[in-house]
Amino acid sequence: MRALKSWLVIAVAGGYGYAAVACENPAAVTIPDGKMSTMEQMLAGQAEVKAYQAAMNEFLACIDSELAAEGEKAPEEFKSLMVSRHNAAVAEMEGVAAAFNDQIKAYRAANPAPPKTE
């Protein structure tokens, strides 16, 4: 009987592990070097970052729905895993946004706007 309970716990935990993998983390983006990039490259980088953010928001929604679907009956390990994945994704999004903003500043420093003539 004890062995049966052990196998049942392993099977249930394995099912939660599979559910946690169902939400796929988007691929990382390549952020252009602001000092060396053209305006077109910066705009392409901006589009890539926006697409990444949209995919990451879908990923966060997936994690949240997986956690909500299990509700209070979910084991603490599952809840902890999903919260950790959510927090890591938010931190990654913030890091990508900050890195891109740094490269925008570098682009502007390397390509100052010409002075306005009146």
C-alpha atoms as a PDB file:
ATOM      1  CA  MET A   1       0.000   0.000   0.000  1.00  0.00           C
ATOM      2  CA  ARG A   2       2.819   2.391   0.871  1.00  0.00           C
ATOM      3  CA  ALA A   3       4.528   1.709  -2.470  1.00  0.00           C
ATOM      4  CA  LEU A   4       1.268   2.460  -4.284  1.00  0.00           C
ATOM      5  CA  LYS A   5       1.007   5.842  -2.528  1.00  0.00           C
ATOM      6  CA  SER A   6       4.610   6.637  -3.449  1.00  0.00           C
ATOM      7  CA  TRP A   7       3.994   5.869  -7.106  1.00  0.00           C
ATOM      8  CA  LEU A   8       0.793   7.913  -7.060  1.00  0.00           C
ATOM      9  CA  VAL A   9       2.633  10.923  -5.604  1.00  0.00           C
ATOM     10  CA  ILE A  10       5.348  10.594  -8.260  1.00  0.00           C
ATOM     11  CA  ALA A  11       2.758  10.362 -11.037  1.00  0.00           C
ATOM     12  CA  VAL A  12       0.879  13.425  -9.801  1.00  0.00           C
ATOM     13  CA  ALA A  13       4.085  15.431  -9.332  1.00  0.00           C
ATOM     14  CA  GLY A  14       5.190  14.419 -12.824  1.00  0.00           C
ATOM     15  CA  GLY A  15       1.890  15.689 -14.198  1.00  0.00           C
ATOM     16  CA  TYR A  16       2.451  19.054 -12.538  1.00  0.00           C
ATOM     17  CA  GLY A  17       5.950  19.169 -13.958  1.00  0.00           C
ATOM     18  CA  TYR A  18       4.511  18.627 -17.426  1.00  0.00           C
ATOM     19  CA  ALA A  19       1.965  21.403 -16.905  1.00  0.00           C
ATOM     20  CA  ALA A  20       4.741  23.759 -15.842  1.00  0.00           C
ATOM     21  CA  VAL A  21       6.615  22.995 -19.077  1.00  0.00           C
ATOM     22  CA  ALA A  22       3.504  23.651 -21.202  1.00  0.00           C
ATOM     23  CA  CYS A  23       4.187  27.384 -20.926  1.00  0.00           C
ATOM     24  CA  GLU A  24       7.154  28.062 -23.196  1.00  0.00           C
ATOM     25  CA  ASN A  25       9.513  30.904 -22.331  1.00  0.00           C
ATOM     26  CA  PRO A  26      10.104  33.094 -25.421  1.00  0.00           C
ATOM     27  CA  ALA A  27      13.533  33.117 -26.999  1.00  0.00           C
ATOM     28  CA  ALA A  28      15.914  35.850 -25.966  1.00  0.00           C
ATOM     29  CA  VAL A  29      16.316  38.889 -28.191  1.00  0.00           C
ATOM     30  CA  THR A  30      19.454  40.391 -29.637  1.00  0.00           C
ATOM     31  CA  ILE A  31      19.747  44.032 -28.693  1.00  0.00           C
ATOM     32  CA  PRO A  32      21.650  46.184 -31.172  1.00  0.00           C
ATOM     33  CA  ASP A  33      24.753  48.076 -30.080  1.00  0.00           C
ATOM     34  CA  GLY A  34      23.652  51.696 -29.981  1.00  0.00           C
ATOM     35  CA  LYS A  35      27.145  53.051 -30.601  1.00  0.00           C
ATOM     36  CA  MET A  36      27.560  51.118 -33.848  1.00  0.00           C
ATOM     37  CA  SER A  37      24.009  50.675 -35.175  1.00  0.00           C
ATOM     38  CA  THR A  38      22.137  52.585 -37.841  1.00  0.00           C
ATOM     39  CA  MET A  39      18.684  54.030 -37.245  1.00  0.00           C
ATOM     40  CA  GLU A  40      17.221  51.126 -39.239  1.00  0.00           C
ATOM     41  CA  GLN A  41      19.004  48.591 -37.033  1.00  0.00           C
ATOM     42  CA  MET A  42      17.756  50.346 -33.901  1.00  0.00           C
ATOM     43  CA  LEU A  43      14.195  50.352 -35.246  1.00  0.00           C
ATOM     44  CA  ALA A  44      14.488  46.655 -36.106  1.00  0.00           C
ATOM     45  CA  GLY A  45      15.780  46.027 -32.596  1.00  0.00           C
ATOM     46  CA  GLN A  46      12.862  47.970 -31.162  1.00  0.00           C
ATOM     47  CA  ALA A  47      10.412  45.842 -33.160  1.00  0.00           C
ATOM     48  CA  GLU A  48      12.132  42.681 -31.921  1.00  0.00           C
ATOM     49  CA  VAL A  49      11.946  43.871 -28.307  1.00  0.00           C
ATOM     50  CA  LYS A  50       8.231  44.699 -28.716  1.00  0.00           C
ATOM     51  CA  ALA A  51       7.550  41.250 -30.184  1.00  0.00           C
ATOM     52  CA  TYR A  52       9.513  39.674 -27.320  1.00  0.00           C
ATOM     53  CA  GLN A  53       7.481  41.648 -24.767  1.00  0.00           C
ATOM     54  CA  ALA A  54       4.219  40.523 -26.376  1.00  0.00           C
ATOM     55  CA  ALA A  55       5.376  36.882 -26.339  1.00  0.00           C
ATOM     56  CA  MET A  56       6.536  37.244 -22.740  1.00  0.00           C
ATOM     57  CA  ASN A  57       3.129  38.664 -21.745  1.00  0.00           C
ATOM     58  CA  GLU A  58       1.523  35.565 -23.301  1.00  0.00           C
ATOM     59  CA  PHE A  59       3.972  33.419 -21.334  1.00  0.00           C
ATOM     60  CA  LEU A  60       3.023  35.201 -18.098  1.00  0.00           C
ATOM     61  CA  ALA A  61      -0.677  34.742 -18.870  1.00  0.00           C
ATOM     62  CA  CYS A  62      -0.044  31.030 -19.467  1.00  0.00           C
ATOM     63  CA  ILE A  63       1.728  30.662 -16.130  1.00  0.00           C
ATOM     64  CA  ASP A  64      -1.032  32.550 -14.340  1.00  0.00           C
ATOM     65  CA  SER A  65      -3.744  30.423 -15.958  1.00  0.00           C
ATOM     66  CA  GLU A  66      -1.912  27.186 -15.099  1.00  0.00           C
ATOM     67  CA  LEU A  67      -1.687  28.290 -11.477  1.00  0.00           C
ATOM     68  CA  ALA A  68      -5.322  29.437 -11.398  1.00  0.00           C
ATOM     69  CA  ALA A  69      -6.483  26.166 -12.978  1.00  0.00           C
ATOM     70  CA  GLU A  70      -4.945  24.168 -10.154  1.00  0.00           C
ATOM     71  CA  GLY A  71      -6.219  26.570  -7.510  1.00  0.00           C
ATOM     72  CA  GLU A  72      -5.805  25.854  -3.845  1.00  0.00           C
ATOM     73  CA  LYS A  73      -5.540  22.092  -4.394  1.00  0.00           C
ATOM     74  CA  ALA A  74      -2.141  22.447  -6.087  1.00  0.00           C
ATOM     75  CA  PRO A  75       0.849  21.218  -4.089  1.00  0.00           C
ATOM     76  CA  GLU A  76       3.030  23.917  -2.560  1.00  0.00           C
ATOM     77  CA  GLU A  77       5.945  22.847  -4.791  1.00  0.00           C
ATOM     78  CA  PHE A  78       3.858  23.538  -7.904  1.00  0.00           C
ATOM     79  CA  LYS A  79       2.717  26.921  -6.594  1.00  0.00           C
ATOM     80  CA  SER A  80       6.275  27.844  -5.706  1.00  0.00           C
ATOM     81  CA  LEU A  81       7.555  26.782  -9.133  1.00  0.00           C
ATOM     82  CA  MET A  82       4.940  28.811 -10.984  1.00  0.00           C
ATOM     83  CA  VAL A  83       5.500  31.905  -8.840  1.00  0.00           C
ATOM     84  CA  SER A  84       9.261  31.575  -9.366  1.00  0.00           C
ATOM     85  CA  ARG A  85       8.800  31.257 -13.141  1.00  0.00           C
ATOM     86  CA  HIS A  86       6.514  34.301 -13.144  1.00  0.00           C
ATOM     87  CA  ASN A  87       8.941  36.413 -11.123  1.00  0.00           C
ATOM     88  CA  ALA A  88      11.921  35.344 -13.243  1.00  0.00           C
ATOM     89  CA  ALA A  89      10.037  36.238 -16.432  1.00  0.00           C
ATOM     90  CA  VAL A  90       9.146  39.686 -15.105  1.00  0.00           C
ATOM     91  CA  ALA A  91      12.762  40.281 -14.064  1.00  0.00           C
ATOM     92  CA  GLU A  92      13.951  39.169 -17.519  1.00  0.00           C
ATOM     93  CA  MET A  93      11.495  41.518 -19.236  1.00  0.00           C
ATOM     94  CA  GLU A  94      12.687  44.403 -17.085  1.00  0.00           C
ATOM     95  CA  GLY A  95      16.301  43.539 -17.900  1.00  0.00           C
ATOM     96  CA  VAL A  96      15.645  43.473 -21.640  1.00  0.00           C
ATOM     97  CA  ALA A  97      13.816  46.819 -21.485  1.00  0.00           C
ATOM     98  CA  ALA A  98      16.633  48.406 -19.462  1.00  0.00           C
ATOM     99  CA  ALA A  99      19.310  47.034 -21.801  1.00  0.00           C
ATOM    100  CA  PHE A 100      17.473  48.336 -24.872  1.00  0.00           C
ATOM    101  CA  ASN A 101      16.970  51.746 -23.256  1.00  0.00           C
ATOM    102  CA  ASP A 102      20.713  51.870 -22.503  1.00  0.00           C
ATOM    103  CA  GLN A 103      21.422  51.218 -26.187  1.00  0.00           C
ATOM    104  CA  ILE A 104      18.991  53.952 -27.240  1.00  0.00           C
ATOM    105  CA  LYS A 105      20.961  56.358 -25.034  1.00  0.00           C
ATOM    106  CA  ALA A 106      24.204  55.110 -26.575  1.00  0.00           C
ATOM    107  CA  TYR A 107      22.761  55.597 -30.079  1.00  0.00           C
ATOM    108  CA  ARG A 108      21.690  59.144 -29.271  1.00  0.00           C
ATOM    109  CA  ALA A 109      25.117  59.926 -27.807  1.00  0.00           C
ATOM    110  CA  ALA A 110      26.847  58.546 -30.923  1.00  0.00           C
ATOM    111  CA  ASN A 111      24.398  60.272 -33.307  1.00  0.00           C
ATOM    112  CA  PRO A 112      23.507  63.669 -31.871  1.00  0.00           C
ATOM    113  CA  ALA A 113      20.772  65.587 -33.612  1.00  0.00           C
ATOM    114  CA  PRO A 114      22.055  68.474 -35.718  1.00  0.00           C
ATOM    115  CA  PRO A 115      21.462  71.870 -34.158  1.00  0.00           C
ATOM    116  CA  LYS A 116      18.308  73.633 -35.263  1.00  0.00           C
ATOM    117  CA  THR A 117      18.750  76.689 -37.408  1.00  0.00           C
ATOM    118  CA  GLU A 118      16.326  79.540 -37.164  1.00  0.00           C
END
